[in-house]
Amino acid sequence: MKHKINLALQVLPRAEGKNPYHLVDKAIEIIEKSGVIYQVCPFETVMEGSYEELMEVVKKVHEACYEAGTETMMTYIKIQSSANGDVTIDDKMEKYK
């Protein structure tokens, strides 16, 4: 895939005695540090970039959550792509600004 895609990532980490929101914060930290365009939403975080770049971010999110003490995690991913060009967050959100 050569065009930009959008990838929505929702992680639901669990760990005995740990607040799951703190574990989700670790995931968002990784996304912030990655340098990709992203938007945090109430149920998921949407990222924009190449397929390969965003899947690398997903991998690092998993690693960071487990390093922070996550014992088990459900991950939901949605991808929007186009054969004819880039898919951007701005294209979808522009009318709501």
C-alpha atoms as a PDB file:
ATOM      1  CA  MET A   1       0.000   0.000   0.000  1.00  0.00           C
ATOM      2  CA  LYS A   2       1.656   3.181  -1.159  1.00  0.00           C
ATOM      3  CA  HIS A   3      -1.004   5.687  -0.089  1.00  0.00           C
ATOM      4  CA  LYS A   4      -1.738   7.063   3.353  1.00  0.00           C
ATOM      5  CA  ILE A   5      -4.357   5.140   5.268  1.00  0.00           C
ATOM      6  CA  ASN A   6      -6.341   5.741   8.444  1.00  0.00           C
ATOM      7  CA  LEU A   7      -6.048   3.173  11.193  1.00  0.00           C
ATOM      8  CA  ALA A   8      -8.313   3.273  14.248  1.00  0.00           C
ATOM      9  CA  LEU A   9      -6.754   1.538  17.245  1.00  0.00           C
ATOM     10  CA  GLN A  10      -8.592   0.563  20.412  1.00  0.00           C
ATOM     11  CA  VAL A  11      -6.711  -1.296  23.130  1.00  0.00           C
ATOM     12  CA  LEU A  12      -8.436  -2.741  26.182  1.00  0.00           C
ATOM     13  CA  PRO A  13      -5.642  -3.745  28.569  1.00  0.00           C
ATOM     14  CA  ARG A  14      -6.263  -5.574  31.831  1.00  0.00           C
ATOM     15  CA  ALA A  15      -4.009  -6.114  34.792  1.00  0.00           C
ATOM     16  CA  GLU A  16      -4.787  -7.090  38.362  1.00  0.00           C
ATOM     17  CA  GLY A  17      -4.596  -4.019  40.601  1.00  0.00           C
ATOM     18  CA  LYS A  18      -3.900  -1.572  37.766  1.00  0.00           C
ATOM     19  CA  ASN A  19      -6.187   1.110  36.415  1.00  0.00           C
ATOM     20  CA  PRO A  20      -6.782   0.324  32.723  1.00  0.00           C
ATOM     21  CA  TYR A  21      -6.851   4.055  31.877  1.00  0.00           C
ATOM     22  CA  HIS A  22      -3.226   4.344  33.010  1.00  0.00           C
ATOM     23  CA  LEU A  23      -2.311   1.491  30.694  1.00  0.00           C
ATOM     24  CA  VAL A  24      -4.180   3.147  27.809  1.00  0.00           C
ATOM     25  CA  ASP A  25      -2.202   6.322  28.562  1.00  0.00           C
ATOM     26  CA  LYS A  26       0.967   4.324  27.841  1.00  0.00           C
ATOM     27  CA  ALA A  27      -0.455   3.386  24.447  1.00  0.00           C
ATOM     28  CA  ILE A  28      -1.253   7.014  23.645  1.00  0.00           C
ATOM     29  CA  GLU A  29       2.284   8.033  24.695  1.00  0.00           C
ATOM     30  CA  ILE A  30       3.708   5.667  22.078  1.00  0.00           C
ATOM     31  CA  ILE A  31       1.424   7.097  19.408  1.00  0.00           C
ATOM     32  CA  GLU A  32       2.428  10.660  20.362  1.00  0.00           C
ATOM     33  CA  LYS A  33       6.142   9.773  20.200  1.00  0.00           C
ATOM     34  CA  SER A  34       5.757   8.076  16.811  1.00  0.00           C
ATOM     35  CA  GLY A  35       5.275  11.371  14.999  1.00  0.00           C
ATOM     36  CA  VAL A  36       2.252  10.200  13.015  1.00  0.00           C
ATOM     37  CA  ILE A  37      -0.824  12.381  12.654  1.00  0.00           C
ATOM     38  CA  TYR A  38      -3.414  11.156  15.152  1.00  0.00           C
ATOM     39  CA  GLN A  39      -6.624  12.067  16.929  1.00  0.00           C
ATOM     40  CA  VAL A  40      -7.612  10.663  20.307  1.00  0.00           C
ATOM     41  CA  CYS A  41     -11.333   9.877  20.534  1.00  0.00           C
ATOM     42  CA  PRO A  42     -13.370   8.489  23.455  1.00  0.00           C
ATOM     43  CA  PHE A  43     -13.233   4.862  22.283  1.00  0.00           C
ATOM     44  CA  GLU A  44     -10.201   4.709  19.988  1.00  0.00           C
ATOM     45  CA  THR A  45      -7.318   6.668  18.526  1.00  0.00           C
ATOM     46  CA  VAL A  46      -7.238   7.302  14.787  1.00  0.00           C
ATOM     47  CA  MET A  47      -3.846   7.535  13.083  1.00  0.00           C
ATOM     48  CA  GLU A  48      -2.772   8.565   9.592  1.00  0.00           C
ATOM     49  CA  GLY A  49       0.247   7.245   7.720  1.00  0.00           C
ATOM     50  CA  SER A  50       1.497   4.379   5.606  1.00  0.00           C
ATOM     51  CA  TYR A  51       0.268   0.877   6.380  1.00  0.00           C
ATOM     52  CA  GLU A  52       3.739  -0.282   7.378  1.00  0.00           C
ATOM     53  CA  GLU A  53       4.377   2.755   9.588  1.00  0.00           C
ATOM     54  CA  LEU A  54       1.077   2.404  11.450  1.00  0.00           C
ATOM     55  CA  MET A  55       1.437  -1.338  11.990  1.00  0.00           C
ATOM     56  CA  GLU A  56       4.839  -0.641  13.552  1.00  0.00           C
ATOM     57  CA  VAL A  57       3.117   1.802  15.928  1.00  0.00           C
ATOM     58  CA  VAL A  58       0.568  -0.902  16.821  1.00  0.00           C
ATOM     59  CA  LYS A  59       3.432  -3.289  17.634  1.00  0.00           C
ATOM     60  CA  LYS A  60       5.113  -0.688  19.856  1.00  0.00           C
ATOM     61  CA  VAL A  61       1.802   0.046  21.610  1.00  0.00           C
ATOM     62  CA  HIS A  62       1.478  -3.637  22.509  1.00  0.00           C
ATOM     63  CA  GLU A  63       5.039  -3.801  23.764  1.00  0.00           C
ATOM     64  CA  ALA A  64       4.590  -0.661  25.900  1.00  0.00           C
ATOM     65  CA  CYS A  65       1.342  -1.897  27.435  1.00  0.00           C
ATOM     66  CA  TYR A  66       2.900  -5.223  28.403  1.00  0.00           C
ATOM     67  CA  GLU A  67       5.984  -3.483  29.789  1.00  0.00           C
ATOM     68  CA  ALA A  68       3.638  -1.323  31.910  1.00  0.00           C
ATOM     69  CA  GLY A  69       2.106  -4.433  33.480  1.00  0.00           C
ATOM     70  CA  THR A  70      -0.740  -5.417  31.172  1.00  0.00           C
ATOM     71  CA  GLU A  71      -1.580  -9.078  31.665  1.00  0.00           C
ATOM     72  CA  THR A  72      -4.089  -9.496  28.840  1.00  0.00           C
ATOM     73  CA  MET A  73      -5.332  -7.171  26.144  1.00  0.00           C
ATOM     74  CA  MET A  74      -8.019  -7.008  23.488  1.00  0.00           C
ATOM     75  CA  THR A  75      -7.093  -4.914  20.441  1.00  0.00           C
ATOM     76  CA  TYR A  76      -9.494  -3.684  17.796  1.00  0.00           C
ATOM     77  CA  ILE A  77      -8.206  -2.226  14.534  1.00  0.00           C
ATOM     78  CA  LYS A  78     -10.138  -0.582  11.704  1.00  0.00           C
ATOM     79  CA  ILE A  79      -8.392   0.443   8.490  1.00  0.00           C
ATOM     80  CA  GLN A  80      -9.610   2.737   5.752  1.00  0.00           C
ATOM     81  CA  SER A  81      -7.597   2.824   2.527  1.00  0.00           C
ATOM     82  CA  SER A  82      -8.076   3.841  -1.093  1.00  0.00           C
ATOM     83  CA  ALA A  83      -6.524   2.594  -4.321  1.00  0.00           C
ATOM     84  CA  ASN A  84      -6.832   6.100  -5.771  1.00  0.00           C
ATOM     85  CA  GLY A  85      -5.066   8.245  -3.198  1.00  0.00           C
ATOM     86  CA  ASP A  86      -4.499   9.132   0.409  1.00  0.00           C
ATOM     87  CA  VAL A  87      -7.075   8.775   3.171  1.00  0.00           C
ATOM     88  CA  THR A  88      -6.679  11.610   5.671  1.00  0.00           C
ATOM     89  CA  ILE A  89      -8.259  12.530   8.954  1.00  0.00           C
ATOM     90  CA  ASP A  90      -8.741  16.114   7.743  1.00  0.00           C
ATOM     91  CA  ASP A  91     -10.743  15.017   4.698  1.00  0.00           C
ATOM     92  CA  LYS A  92     -13.249  13.317   6.978  1.00  0.00           C
ATOM     93  CA  MET A  93     -13.291  15.926   9.769  1.00  0.00           C
ATOM     94  CA  GLU A  94     -13.052  19.193   7.815  1.00  0.00           C
ATOM     95  CA  LYS A  95     -16.795  19.886   7.816  1.00  0.00           C
ATOM     96  CA  TYR A  96     -16.926  19.539  11.626  1.00  0.00           C
ATOM     97  CA  LYS A  97     -14.285  22.179  12.381  1.00  0.00           C
END
